[in-house]
């Protein structure tokens, strides 16, 4: 396959079975993004953050 995306069509039964899994996966990704944003907000609001030097 050499790293190529392959599309697949589900049967109606498969689509019904997988619909909840796909919805859960999307919700988990939303929650993780929200947690990451909260973490960034907390770090940026820490008064000690101004003493931290970025190293890149």
N, C-alpha and C. Protein backbone atom coordinates (compact mmCIF):
# COMPACT_ATOMS: atom_id res chain seq x y z
N UNK A 1 0.81 -1.19 0.00
CA UNK A 1 0.00 0.00 0.00
C UNK A 1 0.86 1.25 0.00
N UNK A 2 2.05 1.20 0.53
CA UNK A 2 2.99 2.32 0.50
C UNK A 2 2.40 3.61 1.05
N UNK A 3 1.85 3.55 2.26
CA UNK A 3 1.35 4.74 2.96
C UNK A 3 0.28 5.50 2.20
N UNK A 4 -0.60 4.81 1.53
CA UNK A 4 -1.69 5.47 0.83
C UNK A 4 -2.99 5.23 1.58
N UNK A 5 -3.82 6.25 1.62
CA UNK A 5 -5.12 6.13 2.27
C UNK A 5 -6.05 5.30 1.41
N UNK A 6 -6.75 4.39 2.05
CA UNK A 6 -7.68 3.55 1.34
C UNK A 6 -9.07 3.78 1.93
N UNK A 7 -10.01 4.16 1.11
CA UNK A 7 -11.38 4.38 1.56
C UNK A 7 -12.15 3.08 1.60
N UNK A 8 -13.01 2.94 2.59
CA UNK A 8 -13.83 1.74 2.73
C UNK A 8 -15.27 2.17 2.97
N UNK A 9 -16.20 1.45 2.39
CA UNK A 9 -17.61 1.70 2.64
C UNK A 9 -18.11 0.66 3.61
N UNK A 10 -18.85 1.11 4.62
CA UNK A 10 -19.44 0.20 5.59
C UNK A 10 -20.80 -0.26 5.11
N UNK A 11 -21.16 -1.44 5.54
CA UNK A 11 -22.54 -1.88 5.33
C UNK A 11 -23.42 -1.10 6.31
N UNK A 12 -24.71 -1.14 6.14
CA UNK A 12 -25.62 -0.44 7.05
C UNK A 12 -25.47 -0.97 8.47
N UNK A 13 -25.28 -2.27 8.62
CA UNK A 13 -25.08 -2.85 9.95
C UNK A 13 -23.79 -2.35 10.59
N UNK A 14 -22.72 -2.33 9.82
CA UNK A 14 -21.44 -1.84 10.33
C UNK A 14 -21.54 -0.36 10.72
N UNK A 15 -22.17 0.43 9.88
CA UNK A 15 -22.31 1.86 10.16
C UNK A 15 -23.06 2.08 11.47
N UNK A 16 -24.11 1.31 11.69
CA UNK A 16 -24.87 1.42 12.93
C UNK A 16 -24.02 1.03 14.13
N UNK A 17 -23.21 -0.02 13.99
CA UNK A 17 -22.35 -0.46 15.08
C UNK A 17 -21.25 0.55 15.38
N UNK A 18 -20.64 1.10 14.36
CA UNK A 18 -19.48 1.97 14.51
C UNK A 18 -19.85 3.42 14.82
N UNK A 19 -21.08 3.80 14.61
CA UNK A 19 -21.49 5.19 14.81
C UNK A 19 -21.19 5.68 16.23
N UNK A 20 -21.51 4.88 17.22
CA UNK A 20 -21.25 5.26 18.61
C UNK A 20 -19.75 5.36 18.88
N UNK A 21 -18.96 4.46 18.32
CA UNK A 21 -17.52 4.49 18.52
C UNK A 21 -16.92 5.76 17.93
N UNK A 22 -17.37 6.11 16.74
CA UNK A 22 -16.86 7.31 16.08
C UNK A 22 -17.26 8.55 16.86
N UNK A 23 -18.49 8.60 17.34
CA UNK A 23 -18.95 9.74 18.14
C UNK A 23 -18.15 9.84 19.44
N UNK A 24 -17.88 8.71 20.07
CA UNK A 24 -17.07 8.71 21.29
C UNK A 24 -15.66 9.21 21.01
N UNK A 25 -15.09 8.78 19.91
CA UNK A 25 -13.74 9.21 19.55
C UNK A 25 -13.71 10.72 19.35
N UNK A 26 -14.69 11.26 18.67
CA UNK A 26 -14.75 12.72 18.47
C UNK A 26 -14.88 13.45 19.80
N UNK A 27 -15.73 12.92 20.70
CA UNK A 27 -15.93 13.55 22.00
C UNK A 27 -14.65 13.51 22.83
N UNK A 28 -13.94 12.40 22.79
CA UNK A 28 -12.68 12.30 23.53
C UNK A 28 -11.68 13.33 23.01
N UNK A 29 -11.60 13.49 21.69
CA UNK A 29 -10.68 14.48 21.12
C UNK A 29 -11.06 15.89 21.56
N UNK A 30 -12.37 16.19 21.64
CA UNK A 30 -12.82 17.50 22.12
C UNK A 30 -12.43 17.71 23.58
N UNK A 31 -12.62 16.69 24.39
CA UNK A 31 -12.29 16.80 25.81
C UNK A 31 -10.80 16.98 26.02
N UNK A 32 -9.99 16.27 25.27
CA UNK A 32 -8.54 16.41 25.38
C UNK A 32 -8.12 17.83 24.99
N UNK A 33 -8.68 18.35 23.91
CA UNK A 33 -8.37 19.72 23.49
C UNK A 33 -8.75 20.71 24.58
N UNK A 34 -9.89 20.48 25.23
CA UNK A 34 -10.33 21.36 26.31
C UNK A 34 -9.36 21.29 27.50
N UNK A 35 -8.95 20.08 27.87
CA UNK A 35 -8.00 19.92 28.96
C UNK A 35 -6.66 20.58 28.65
N UNK A 36 -6.20 20.45 27.41
CA UNK A 36 -4.95 21.10 27.01
C UNK A 36 -5.07 22.62 27.14
N UNK A 37 -6.20 23.16 26.70
CA UNK A 37 -6.42 24.60 26.80
C UNK A 37 -6.45 25.05 28.26
N UNK A 38 -7.10 24.26 29.13
CA UNK A 38 -7.13 24.59 30.55
C UNK A 38 -5.72 24.59 31.14
N UNK A 39 -4.94 23.61 30.76
CA UNK A 39 -3.57 23.52 31.26
C UNK A 39 -2.74 24.72 30.83
N UNK A 40 -2.88 25.11 29.59
CA UNK A 40 -2.14 26.28 29.09
C UNK A 40 -2.58 27.53 29.84
N UNK A 41 -3.88 27.68 30.06
CA UNK A 41 -4.40 28.84 30.79
C UNK A 41 -3.84 28.88 32.20
N UNK A 42 -3.79 27.73 32.86
CA UNK A 42 -3.26 27.67 34.21
C UNK A 42 -1.79 28.07 34.25
N UNK A 43 -1.01 27.55 33.33
CA UNK A 43 0.42 27.87 33.30
C UNK A 43 0.62 29.35 33.02
N UNK A 44 -0.13 29.88 32.06
CA UNK A 44 0.04 31.28 31.70
C UNK A 44 -0.44 32.23 32.80
N UNK A 45 -1.38 31.81 33.63
CA UNK A 45 -1.87 32.67 34.69
C UNK A 45 -1.04 32.55 35.97
N UNK A 46 -0.10 31.64 36.00
CA UNK A 46 0.76 31.48 37.17
C UNK A 46 1.70 32.68 37.24
N UNK A 47 1.69 33.40 38.36
CA UNK A 47 2.56 34.58 38.47
C UNK A 47 4.04 34.25 38.37
N UNK A 48 4.39 33.02 38.64
CA UNK A 48 5.80 32.61 38.52
C UNK A 48 6.20 32.36 37.08
N UNK A 49 5.25 32.33 36.16
CA UNK A 49 5.52 31.98 34.77
C UNK A 49 6.46 32.98 34.11
N UNK A 50 6.46 34.23 34.57
CA UNK A 50 7.32 35.24 33.96
C UNK A 50 8.79 34.95 34.19
N UNK A 51 9.10 34.12 35.19
CA UNK A 51 10.49 33.77 35.48
C UNK A 51 10.98 32.61 34.61
N UNK A 52 10.09 31.91 33.98
CA UNK A 52 10.45 30.76 33.15
C UNK A 52 10.99 31.24 31.82
N UNK A 53 12.13 30.72 31.44
CA UNK A 53 12.71 31.08 30.16
C UNK A 53 12.47 29.98 29.17
N UNK A 54 12.07 30.37 27.98
CA UNK A 54 11.81 29.40 26.92
C UNK A 54 13.13 28.96 26.31
N UNK A 55 13.29 27.66 26.17
CA UNK A 55 14.51 27.13 25.55
C UNK A 55 14.14 26.37 24.30
N UNK A 56 14.63 26.83 23.20
CA UNK A 56 14.39 26.16 21.92
C UNK A 56 15.61 26.17 21.10
